Amino acid sequence: MHAIVEISGHQYKVQKGDVIQVQKLSEKEGAKVKTDKVLSRFDDKKTDVGTPYVSGSSVEYTIKEHGKGEKIRVFKKKPKKRYERTQGHRQQYSEIEITAVK
């Protein structure tokens, strides 16, 4: 069973056992979360598409860890004006494991 689920404003295609990284969630590590924001649910025989969500379906996941991604460098320069700026950014994420698709 696969599902397209909305987590923190983004859509992900998931199935049981998947480990994915999403934008940082407010729950603590080890927390079990259940969401009913399932946009589509499908397998080999049947497809359910929601308007906007599929009623009666849900996805359960466990938050494994929180962390920061790789550093991204932003460099700005204006030629002939002696203007150069460098900034860095590390996006925070949560790694989750899908435990059930219902």
PDB file of N, CA and C in Angstrom:
ATOM      1  N   MET A   1       0.844  -1.173   0.000  1.00  0.00           N
ATOM      2  CA  MET A   1       0.000   0.000   0.000  1.00  0.00           C
ATOM      3  C   MET A   1       0.896   1.246   0.000  1.00  0.00           C
ATOM      4  N   HIS A   2       0.688   2.113  -0.954  1.00  0.00           N
ATOM      5  CA  HIS A   2       1.392   3.383  -1.042  1.00  0.00           C
ATOM      6  C   HIS A   2       0.411   4.502  -0.726  1.00  0.00           C
ATOM      7  N   ALA A   3       0.939   5.652  -0.339  1.00  0.00           N
ATOM      8  CA  ALA A   3       0.094   6.811  -0.083  1.00  0.00           C
ATOM      9  C   ALA A   3       0.876   8.075  -0.386  1.00  0.00           C
ATOM     10  N   ILE A   4       0.151   9.095  -0.784  1.00  0.00           N
ATOM     11  CA  ILE A   4       0.728  10.431  -0.914  1.00  0.00           C
ATOM     12  C   ILE A   4       0.167  11.221   0.261  1.00  0.00           C
ATOM     13  N   VAL A   5       1.061  11.671   1.126  1.00  0.00           N
ATOM     14  CA  VAL A   5       0.659  12.287   2.379  1.00  0.00           C
ATOM     15  C   VAL A   5       1.260  13.691   2.467  1.00  0.00           C
ATOM     16  N   GLU A   6       0.541  14.580   3.147  1.00  0.00           N
ATOM     17  CA  GLU A   6       1.011  15.947   3.352  1.00  0.00           C
ATOM     18  C   GLU A   6       1.553  16.068   4.773  1.00  0.00           C
ATOM     19  N   ILE A   7       2.847  16.393   4.870  1.00  0.00           N
ATOM     20  CA  ILE A   7       3.496  16.567   6.171  1.00  0.00           C
ATOM     21  C   ILE A   7       4.214  17.907   6.138  1.00  0.00           C
ATOM     22  N   SER A   8       3.875  18.769   7.075  1.00  0.00           N
ATOM     23  CA  SER A   8       4.446  20.116   7.221  1.00  0.00           C
ATOM     24  C   SER A   8       4.438  20.893   5.899  1.00  0.00           C
ATOM     25  N   GLY A   9       3.330  20.800   5.173  1.00  0.00           N
ATOM     26  CA  GLY A   9       3.149  21.599   3.962  1.00  0.00           C
ATOM     27  C   GLY A   9       3.742  21.019   2.698  1.00  0.00           C
ATOM     28  N   HIS A  10       4.383  19.854   2.765  1.00  0.00           N
ATOM     29  CA  HIS A  10       4.981  19.222   1.591  1.00  0.00           C
ATOM     30  C   HIS A  10       4.344  17.856   1.376  1.00  0.00           C
ATOM     31  N   GLN A  11       4.386  17.382   0.138  1.00  0.00           N
ATOM     32  CA  GLN A  11       3.787  16.094  -0.198  1.00  0.00           C
ATOM     33  C   GLN A  11       4.878  15.050  -0.398  1.00  0.00           C
ATOM     34  N   TYR A  12       4.641  13.850   0.152  1.00  0.00           N
ATOM     35  CA  TYR A  12       5.601  12.758   0.060  1.00  0.00           C
ATOM     36  C   TYR A  12       4.875  11.479  -0.315  1.00  0.00           C
ATOM     37  N   LYS A  13       5.510  10.674  -1.183  1.00  0.00           N
ATOM     38  CA  LYS A  13       4.989   9.354  -1.513  1.00  0.00           C
ATOM     39  C   LYS A  13       5.651   8.374  -0.553  1.00  0.00           C
ATOM     40  N   VAL A  14       4.849   7.666   0.246  1.00  0.00           N
ATOM     41  CA  VAL A  14       5.380   6.803   1.301  1.00  0.00           C
ATOM     42  C   VAL A  14       4.720   5.434   1.264  1.00  0.00           C
ATOM     43  N   GLN A  15       5.392   4.485   1.876  1.00  0.00           N
ATOM     44  CA  GLN A  15       4.839   3.167   2.152  1.00  0.00           C
ATOM     45  C   GLN A  15       5.420   2.708   3.484  1.00  0.00           C
ATOM     46  N   LYS A  16       4.883   1.628   4.028  1.00  0.00           N
ATOM     47  CA  LYS A  16       5.326   1.152   5.334  1.00  0.00           C
ATOM     48  C   LYS A  16       6.805   0.795   5.289  1.00  0.00           C
ATOM     49  N   GLY A  17       7.569   1.280   6.280  1.00  0.00           N
ATOM     50  CA  GLY A  17       8.992   0.988   6.377  1.00  0.00           C
ATOM     51  C   GLY A  17       9.892   2.059   5.793  1.00  0.00           C
ATOM     52  N   ASP A  18       9.349   3.043   5.081  1.00  0.00           N
ATOM     53  CA  ASP A  18      10.166   4.109   4.494  1.00  0.00           C
ATOM     54  C   ASP A  18      10.724   5.013   5.585  1.00  0.00           C
ATOM     55  N   VAL A  19      11.945   5.499   5.377  1.00  0.00           N
ATOM     56  CA  VAL A  19      12.570   6.490   6.249  1.00  0.00           C
ATOM     57  C   VAL A  19      12.844   7.711   5.381  1.00  0.00           C
ATOM     58  N   ILE A  20      12.219   8.846   5.716  1.00  0.00           N
ATOM     59  CA  ILE A  20      12.357  10.059   4.913  1.00  0.00           C
ATOM     60  C   ILE A  20      12.718  11.237   5.801  1.00  0.00           C
ATOM     61  N   GLN A  21      13.236  12.283   5.174  1.00  0.00           N
ATOM     62  CA  GLN A  21      13.544  13.523   5.875  1.00  0.00           C
ATOM     63  C   GLN A  21      12.521  14.573   5.479  1.00  0.00           C
ATOM     64  N   VAL A  22      11.930  15.219   6.478  1.00  0.00           N
ATOM     65  CA  VAL A  22      10.945  16.271   6.257  1.00  0.00           C
ATOM     66  C   VAL A  22      11.416  17.523   6.996  1.00  0.00           C
ATOM     67  N   GLN A  23      10.759  18.646   6.727  1.00  0.00           N
ATOM     68  CA  GLN A  23      11.105  19.851   7.471  1.00  0.00           C
ATOM     69  C   GLN A  23      10.862  19.615   8.948  1.00  0.00           C
ATOM     70  N   LYS A  24      11.619  20.312   9.790  1.00  0.00           N
ATOM     71  CA  LYS A  24      11.614  20.038  11.225  1.00  0.00           C
ATOM     72  C   LYS A  24      10.213  20.108  11.817  1.00  0.00           C
ATOM     73  N   LEU A  25       9.875  19.069  12.579  1.00  0.00           N
ATOM     74  CA  LEU A  25       8.596  18.979  13.259  1.00  0.00           C
ATOM     75  C   LEU A  25       8.766  19.368  14.727  1.00  0.00           C
ATOM     76  N   SER A  26       7.681  19.790  15.350  1.00  0.00           N
ATOM     77  CA  SER A  26       7.768  20.277  16.724  1.00  0.00           C
ATOM     78  C   SER A  26       7.769  19.157  17.769  1.00  0.00           C
ATOM     79  N   GLU A  27       7.372  17.935  17.398  1.00  0.00           N
ATOM     80  CA  GLU A  27       7.341  16.832  18.351  1.00  0.00           C
ATOM     81  C   GLU A  27       8.762  16.376  18.705  1.00  0.00           C
ATOM     82  N   LYS A  28       8.892  15.683  19.831  1.00  0.00           N
ATOM     83  CA  LYS A  28      10.203  15.223  20.274  1.00  0.00           C
ATOM     84  C   LYS A  28      10.585  13.915  19.602  1.00  0.00           C
ATOM     85  N   GLU A  29      11.877  13.577  19.670  1.00  0.00           N
ATOM     86  CA  GLU A  29      12.370  12.321  19.106  1.00  0.00           C
ATOM     87  C   GLU A  29      11.711  11.147  19.813  1.00  0.00           C
ATOM     88  N   GLY A  30      11.339  10.126  19.040  1.00  0.00           N
ATOM     89  CA  GLY A  30      10.694   8.948  19.587  1.00  0.00           C
ATOM     90  C   GLY A  30       9.178   9.055  19.662  1.00  0.00           C
ATOM     91  N   ALA A  31       8.634  10.232  19.346  1.00  0.00           N
ATOM     92  CA  ALA A  31       7.182  10.412  19.408  1.00  0.00           C
ATOM     93  C   ALA A  31       6.504   9.689  18.242  1.00  0.00           C
ATOM     94  N   LYS A  32       5.349   9.117  18.531  1.00  0.00           N
ATOM     95  CA  LYS A  32       4.558   8.460  17.491  1.00  0.00           C
ATOM     96  C   LYS A  32       3.437   9.409  17.093  1.00  0.00           C
ATOM     97  N   VAL A  33       3.333   9.677  15.795  1.00  0.00           N
ATOM     98  CA  VAL A  33       2.390  10.666  15.295  1.00  0.00           C
ATOM     99  C   VAL A  33       1.476  10.006  14.266  1.00  0.00           C
ATOM    100  N   LYS A  34       0.223  10.414  14.269  1.00  0.00           N
ATOM    101  CA  LYS A  34      -0.748   9.910  13.295  1.00  0.00           C
ATOM    102  C   LYS A  34      -1.333  11.118  12.560  1.00  0.00           C
ATOM    103  N   THR A  35      -1.331  11.072  11.231  1.00  0.00           N
ATOM    104  CA  THR A  35      -1.895  12.149  10.439  1.00  0.00           C
ATOM    105  C   THR A  35      -2.961  11.597   9.505  1.00  0.00           C
ATOM    106  N   ASP A  36      -4.004  12.385   9.299  1.00  0.00           N
ATOM    107  CA  ASP A  36      -5.070  11.977   8.396  1.00  0.00           C
ATOM    108  C   ASP A  36      -5.064  12.800   7.103  1.00  0.00           C
ATOM    109  N   LYS A  37      -3.984  13.516   6.845  1.00  0.00           N
ATOM    110  CA  LYS A  37      -3.858  14.323   5.625  1.00  0.00           C
ATOM    111  C   LYS A  37      -3.306  13.465   4.483  1.00  0.00           C
ATOM    112  N   VAL A  38      -4.092  12.469   4.091  1.00  0.00           N
ATOM    113  CA  VAL A  38      -3.712  11.557   3.014  1.00  0.00           C
ATOM    114  C   VAL A  38      -4.400  12.040   1.739  1.00  0.00           C
ATOM    115  N   LEU A  39      -3.612  12.448   0.750  1.00  0.00           N
ATOM    116  CA  LEU A  39      -4.159  12.970  -0.498  1.00  0.00           C
ATOM    117  C   LEU A  39      -4.578  11.863  -1.450  1.00  0.00           C
ATOM    118  N   SER A  40      -3.837  10.748  -1.431  1.00  0.00           N
ATOM    119  CA  SER A  40      -4.127   9.629  -2.323  1.00  0.00           C
ATOM    120  C   SER A  40      -3.592   8.357  -1.682  1.00  0.00           C
ATOM    121  N   ARG A  41      -4.303   7.244  -1.930  1.00  0.00           N
ATOM    122  CA  ARG A  41      -3.894   5.952  -1.398  1.00  0.00           C
ATOM    123  C   ARG A  41      -4.094   4.928  -2.511  1.00  0.00           C
ATOM    124  N   PHE A  42      -3.067   4.096  -2.758  1.00  0.00           N
ATOM    125  CA  PHE A  42      -3.184   3.171  -3.887  1.00  0.00           C
ATOM    126  C   PHE A  42      -2.337   1.928  -3.679  1.00  0.00           C
ATOM    127  N   ASP A  43      -2.749   0.845  -4.348  1.00  0.00           N
ATOM    128  CA  ASP A  43      -1.988  -0.395  -4.424  1.00  0.00           C
ATOM    129  C   ASP A  43      -2.190  -0.956  -5.824  1.00  0.00           C
ATOM    130  N   ASP A  44      -1.884  -2.246  -6.024  1.00  0.00           N
ATOM    131  CA  ASP A  44      -1.974  -2.841  -7.363  1.00  0.00           C
ATOM    132  C   ASP A  44      -3.400  -2.886  -7.902  1.00  0.00           C
ATOM    133  N   LYS A  45      -4.391  -2.977  -7.035  1.00  0.00           N
ATOM    134  CA  LYS A  45      -5.766  -3.187  -7.478  1.00  0.00           C
ATOM    135  C   LYS A  45      -6.654  -1.941  -7.412  1.00  0.00           C
ATOM    136  N   LYS A  46      -6.418  -1.090  -6.450  1.00  0.00           N
ATOM    137  CA  LYS A  46      -7.357  -0.006  -6.180  1.00  0.00           C
ATOM    138  C   LYS A  46      -6.636   1.310  -5.942  1.00  0.00           C
ATOM    139  N   THR A  47      -7.261   2.407  -6.374  1.00  0.00           N
ATOM    140  CA  THR A  47      -6.728   3.749  -6.152  1.00  0.00           C
ATOM    141  C   THR A  47      -7.820   4.617  -5.554  1.00  0.00           C
ATOM    142  N   ASP A  48      -7.503   5.289  -4.459  1.00  0.00           N
ATOM    143  CA  ASP A  48      -8.426   6.237  -3.833  1.00  0.00           C
ATOM    144  C   ASP A  48      -7.808   7.621  -3.917  1.00  0.00           C
ATOM    145  N   VAL A  49      -8.551   8.566  -4.461  1.00  0.00           N
ATOM    146  CA  VAL A  49      -8.084   9.952  -4.571  1.00  0.00           C
ATOM    147  C   VAL A  49      -9.023  10.817  -3.750  1.00  0.00           C
ATOM    148  N   GLY A  50      -8.460  11.654  -2.889  1.00  0.00           N
ATOM    149  CA  GLY A  50      -9.270  12.492  -2.018  1.00  0.00           C
ATOM    150  C   GLY A  50      -9.604  13.837  -2.625  1.00  0.00           C
ATOM    151  N   THR A  51     -10.588  14.487  -2.018  1.00  0.00           N
ATOM    152  CA  THR A  51     -10.988  15.830  -2.434  1.00  0.00           C
ATOM    153  C   THR A  51     -11.082  16.736  -1.222  1.00  0.00           C
ATOM    154  N   PRO A  52     -10.096  17.262  -0.630  1.00  0.00           N
ATOM    155  CA  PRO A  52      -8.680  17.106  -0.906  1.00  0.00           C
ATOM    156  C   PRO A  52      -8.059  15.893  -0.214  1.00  0.00           C
ATOM    157  N   TYR A  53      -8.696  15.359   0.857  1.00  0.00           N
ATOM    158  CA  TYR A  53      -8.119  14.240   1.589  1.00  0.00           C
ATOM    159  C   TYR A  53      -9.016  13.008   1.475  1.00  0.00           C
ATOM    160  N   VAL A  54      -8.412  11.828   1.574  1.00  0.00           N
ATOM    161  CA  VAL A  54      -9.154  10.574   1.547  1.00  0.00           C
ATOM    162  C   VAL A  54      -9.737  10.361   2.940  1.00  0.00           C
ATOM    163  N   SER A  55     -11.058  10.250   3.024  1.00  0.00           N
ATOM    164  CA  SER A  55     -11.694  10.081   4.334  1.00  0.00           C
ATOM    165  C   SER A  55     -11.477   8.655   4.845  1.00  0.00           C
ATOM    166  N   GLY A  56     -11.229   8.544   6.141  1.00  0.00           N
ATOM    167  CA  GLY A  56     -11.057   7.237   6.763  1.00  0.00           C
ATOM    168  C   GLY A  56      -9.669   6.633   6.629  1.00  0.00           C
ATOM    169  N   SER A  57      -8.727   7.340   6.022  1.00  0.00           N
ATOM    170  CA  SER A  57      -7.366   6.803   5.893  1.00  0.00           C
ATOM    171  C   SER A  57      -6.400   7.664   6.700  1.00  0.00           C
ATOM    172  N   SER A  58      -5.308   7.028   7.115  1.00  0.00           N
ATOM    173  CA  SER A  58      -4.318   7.737   7.922  1.00  0.00           C
ATOM    174  C   SER A  58      -2.948   7.112   7.730  1.00  0.00           C
ATOM    175  N   VAL A  59      -1.930   7.847   8.139  1.00  0.00           N
ATOM    176  CA  VAL A  59      -0.551   7.379   8.100  1.00  0.00           C
ATOM    177  C   VAL A  59       0.055   7.606   9.478  1.00  0.00           C
ATOM    178  N   GLU A  60       0.702   6.577  10.004  1.00  0.00           N
ATOM    179  CA  GLU A  60       1.367   6.674  11.306  1.00  0.00           C
ATOM    180  C   GLU A  60       2.868   6.643  11.091  1.00  0.00           C
ATOM    181  N   TYR A  61       3.591   7.492  11.833  1.00  0.00           N
ATOM    182  CA  TYR A  61       5.047   7.518  11.718  1.00  0.00           C
ATOM    183  C   TYR A  61       5.677   7.830  13.061  1.00  0.00           C
ATOM    184  N   THR A  62       6.950   7.467  13.172  1.00  0.00           N
ATOM    185  CA  THR A  62       7.738   7.696  14.374  1.00  0.00           C
ATOM    186  C   THR A  62       8.880   8.639  14.034  1.00  0.00           C
ATOM    187  N   ILE A  63       9.097   9.630  14.869  1.00  0.00           N
ATOM    188  CA  ILE A  63      10.199  10.569  14.652  1.00  0.00           C
ATOM    189  C   ILE A  63      11.472   9.936  15.196  1.00  0.00           C
ATOM    190  N   LYS A  64      12.437   9.691  14.290  1.00  0.00           N
ATOM    191  CA  LYS A  64      13.685   9.038  14.693  1.00  0.00           C
ATOM    192  C   LYS A  64      14.690  10.034  15.248  1.00  0.00           C
ATOM    193  N   GLU A  65      14.903  11.152  14.540  1.00  0.00           N
ATOM    194  CA  GLU A  65      15.878  12.140  15.007  1.00  0.00           C
ATOM    195  C   GLU A  65      15.631  13.484  14.348  1.00  0.00           C
ATOM    196  N   HIS A  66      16.202  14.513  14.970  1.00  0.00           N
ATOM    197  CA  HIS A  66      16.228  15.854  14.402  1.00  0.00           C
ATOM    198  C   HIS A  66      17.676  16.168  14.046  1.00  0.00           C
ATOM    199  N   GLY A  67      17.879  16.969  13.022  1.00  0.00           N
ATOM    200  CA  GLY A  67      19.250  17.304  12.645  1.00  0.00           C
ATOM    201  C   GLY A  67      19.299  18.502  11.721  1.00  0.00           C
ATOM    202  N   LYS A  68      20.495  18.770  11.222  1.00  0.00           N
ATOM    203  CA  LYS A  68      20.707  19.850  10.268  1.00  0.00           C
ATOM    204  C   LYS A  68      21.299  19.277   8.998  1.00  0.00           C
ATOM    205  N   GLY A  69      20.883  19.817   7.866  1.00  0.00           N
ATOM    206  CA  GLY A  69      21.391  19.376   6.575  1.00  0.00           C
ATOM    207  C   GLY A  69      22.764  19.952   6.290  1.00  0.00           C
ATOM    208  N   GLU A  70      23.249  19.719   5.091  1.00  0.00           N
ATOM    209  CA  GLU A  70      24.553  20.244   4.705  1.00  0.00           C
ATOM    210  C   GLU A  70      24.490  21.755   4.544  1.00  0.00           C
ATOM    211  N   LYS A  71      25.638  22.392   4.717  1.00  0.00           N
ATOM    212  CA  LYS A  71      25.698  23.836   4.618  1.00  0.00           C
ATOM    213  C   LYS A  71      25.590  24.279   3.162  1.00  0.00           C
ATOM    214  N   ILE A  72      24.774  25.285   2.946  1.00  0.00           N
ATOM    215  CA  ILE A  72      24.634  25.902   1.628  1.00  0.00           C
ATOM    216  C   ILE A  72      25.251  27.285   1.712  1.00  0.00           C
ATOM    217  N   ARG A  73      26.122  27.591   0.781  1.00  0.00           N
ATOM    218  CA  ARG A  73      26.766  28.901   0.763  1.00  0.00           C
ATOM    219  C   ARG A  73      26.090  29.792  -0.269  1.00  0.00           C
ATOM    220  N   VAL A  74      25.788  31.025   0.143  1.00  0.00           N
ATOM    221  CA  VAL A  74      25.180  32.021  -0.730  1.00  0.00           C
ATOM    222  C   VAL A  74      26.201  33.134  -0.904  1.00  0.00           C
ATOM    223  N   PHE A  75      26.607  33.385  -2.145  1.00  0.00           N
ATOM    224  CA  PHE A  75      27.624  34.391  -2.436  1.00  0.00           C
ATOM    225  C   PHE A  75      27.020  35.453  -3.344  1.00  0.00           C
ATOM    226  N   LYS A  76      27.144  36.718  -2.927  1.00  0.00           N
ATOM    227  CA  LYS A  76      26.641  37.833  -3.711  1.00  0.00           C
ATOM    228  C   LYS A  76      27.817  38.731  -4.086  1.00  0.00           C
ATOM    229  N   LYS A  77      27.804  39.200  -5.317  1.00  0.00           N
ATOM    230  CA  LYS A  77      28.878  40.078  -5.758  1.00  0.00           C
ATOM    231  C   LYS A  77      28.340  41.046  -6.798  1.00  0.00           C
ATOM    232  N   LYS A  78      28.783  42.315  -6.686  1.00  0.00           N
ATOM    233  CA  LYS A  78      28.475  43.309  -7.702  1.00  0.00           C
ATOM    234  C   LYS A  78      29.801  43.745  -8.321  1.00  0.00           C
ATOM    235  N   PRO A  79      29.963  43.480  -9.603  1.00  0.00           N
ATOM    236  CA  PRO A  79      31.242  43.805 -10.230  1.00  0.00           C
ATOM    237  C   PRO A  79      31.533  45.310 -10.231  1.00  0.00           C
ATOM    238  N   LYS A  80      32.794  45.627 -10.093  1.00  0.00           N
ATOM    239  CA  LYS A  80      33.318  47.000 -10.137  1.00  0.00           C
ATOM    240  C   LYS A  80      32.841  47.878  -8.989  1.00  0.00           C
ATOM    241  N   LYS A  81      32.208  47.312  -7.974  1.00  0.00           N
ATOM    242  CA  LYS A  81      31.703  48.106  -6.851  1.00  0.00           C
ATOM    243  C   LYS A  81      32.310  47.681  -5.514  1.00  0.00           C
ATOM    244  N   ARG A  82      33.209  46.699  -5.523  1.00  0.00           N
ATOM    245  CA  ARG A  82      33.839  46.186  -4.308  1.00  0.00           C
ATOM    246  C   ARG A  82      32.820  45.664  -3.302  1.00  0.00           C
ATOM    247  N   TYR A  83      31.792  45.016  -3.793  1.00  0.00           N
ATOM    248  CA  TYR A  83      30.750  44.467  -2.933  1.00  0.00           C
ATOM    249  C   TYR A  83      30.760  42.951  -3.042  1.00  0.00           C
ATOM    250  N   GLU A  84      31.052  42.297  -1.934  1.00  0.00           N
ATOM    251  CA  GLU A  84      31.005  40.838  -1.864  1.00  0.00           C
ATOM    252  C   GLU A  84      30.446  40.439  -0.498  1.00  0.00           C
ATOM    253  N   ARG A  85      29.514  39.504  -0.486  1.00  0.00           N
ATOM    254  CA  ARG A  85      28.951  38.993   0.759  1.00  0.00           C
ATOM    255  C   ARG A  85      28.810  37.484   0.649  1.00  0.00           C
ATOM    256  N   THR A  86      29.152  36.787   1.712  1.00  0.00           N
ATOM    257  CA  THR A  86      28.984  35.341   1.776  1.00  0.00           C
ATOM    258  C   THR A  86      28.116  35.019   2.986  1.00  0.00           C
ATOM    259  N   GLN A  87      27.101  34.200   2.754  1.00  0.00           N
ATOM    260  CA  GLN A  87      26.245  33.739   3.835  1.00  0.00           C
ATOM    261  C   GLN A  87      26.190  32.225   3.790  1.00  0.00           C
ATOM    262  N   GLY A  88      25.921  31.615   4.917  1.00  0.00           N
ATOM    263  CA  GLY A  88      25.742  30.173   4.972  1.00  0.00           C
ATOM    264  C   GLY A  88      24.407  29.839   5.619  1.00  0.00           C
ATOM    265  N   HIS A  89      23.882  28.664   5.289  1.00  0.00           N
ATOM    266  CA  HIS A  89      22.599  28.250   5.848  1.00  0.00           C
ATOM    267  C   HIS A  89      22.568  26.731   5.965  1.00  0.00           C
ATOM    268  N   ARG A  90      22.051  26.233   7.081  1.00  0.00           N
ATOM    269  CA  ARG A  90      21.840  24.795   7.265  1.00  0.00           C
ATOM    270  C   ARG A  90      20.378  24.587   7.636  1.00  0.00           C
ATOM    271  N   GLN A  91      19.653  23.886   6.763  1.00  0.00           N
ATOM    272  CA  GLN A  91      18.236  23.646   6.980  1.00  0.00           C
ATOM    273  C   GLN A  91      18.026  22.562   8.032  1.00  0.00           C
ATOM    274  N   GLN A  92      17.138  22.804   8.984  1.00  0.00           N
ATOM    275  CA  GLN A  92      16.823  21.809   9.999  1.00  0.00           C
ATOM    276  C   GLN A  92      15.811  20.810   9.439  1.00  0.00           C
ATOM    277  N   TYR A  93      15.953  19.541   9.841  1.00  0.00           N
ATOM    278  CA  TYR A  93      15.060  18.506   9.343  1.00  0.00           C
ATOM    279  C   TYR A  93      14.713  17.528  10.460  1.00  0.00           C
ATOM    280  N   SER A  94      13.691  16.743  10.206  1.00  0.00           N
ATOM    281  CA  SER A  94      13.327  15.628  11.078  1.00  0.00           C
ATOM    282  C   SER A  94      13.327  14.371  10.224  1.00  0.00           C
ATOM    283  N   GLU A  95      13.939  13.320  10.726  1.00  0.00           N
ATOM    284  CA  GLU A  95      13.937  12.042  10.022  1.00  0.00           C
ATOM    285  C   GLU A  95      12.842  11.186  10.632  1.00  0.00           C
ATOM    286  N   ILE A  96      11.919  10.715   9.773  1.00  0.00           N
ATOM    287  CA  ILE A  96      10.782   9.946  10.264  1.00  0.00           C
ATOM    288  C   ILE A  96      10.735   8.583   9.595  1.00  0.00           C
ATOM    289  N   GLU A  97      10.141   7.617  10.296  1.00  0.00           N
ATOM    290  CA  GLU A  97       9.951   6.273   9.754  1.00  0.00           C
ATOM    291  C   GLU A  97       8.457   5.985   9.720  1.00  0.00           C
ATOM    292  N   ILE A  98       7.971   5.575   8.558  1.00  0.00           N
ATOM    293  CA  ILE A  98       6.550   5.278   8.383  1.00  0.00           C
ATOM    294  C   ILE A  98       6.286   3.889   8.983  1.00  0.00           C
ATOM    295  N   THR A  99       5.343   3.831   9.932  1.00  0.00           N
ATOM    296  CA  THR A  99       5.041   2.565  10.605  1.00  0.00           C
ATOM    297  C   THR A  99       3.767   1.914  10.084  1.00  0.00           C
ATOM    298  N   ALA A 100       2.814   2.707   9.561  1.00  0.00           N
ATOM    299  CA  ALA A 100       1.569   2.115   9.065  1.00  0.00           C
ATOM    300  C   ALA A 100       0.901   3.054   8.074  1.00  0.00           C
ATOM    301  N   VAL A 101       0.311   2.461   7.032  1.00  0.00           N
ATOM    302  CA  VAL A 101      -0.514   3.202   6.076  1.00  0.00           C
ATOM    303  C   VAL A 101      -1.879   2.520   6.092  1.00  0.00           C
ATOM    304  N   LYS A 102      -2.896   3.264   6.526  1.00  0.00           N
ATOM    305  CA  LYS A 102      -4.243   2.690   6.668  1.00  0.00           C
ATOM    306  C   LYS A 102      -5.202   3.391   5.736  1.00  0.00           C
TER     307      LYS A 102
END
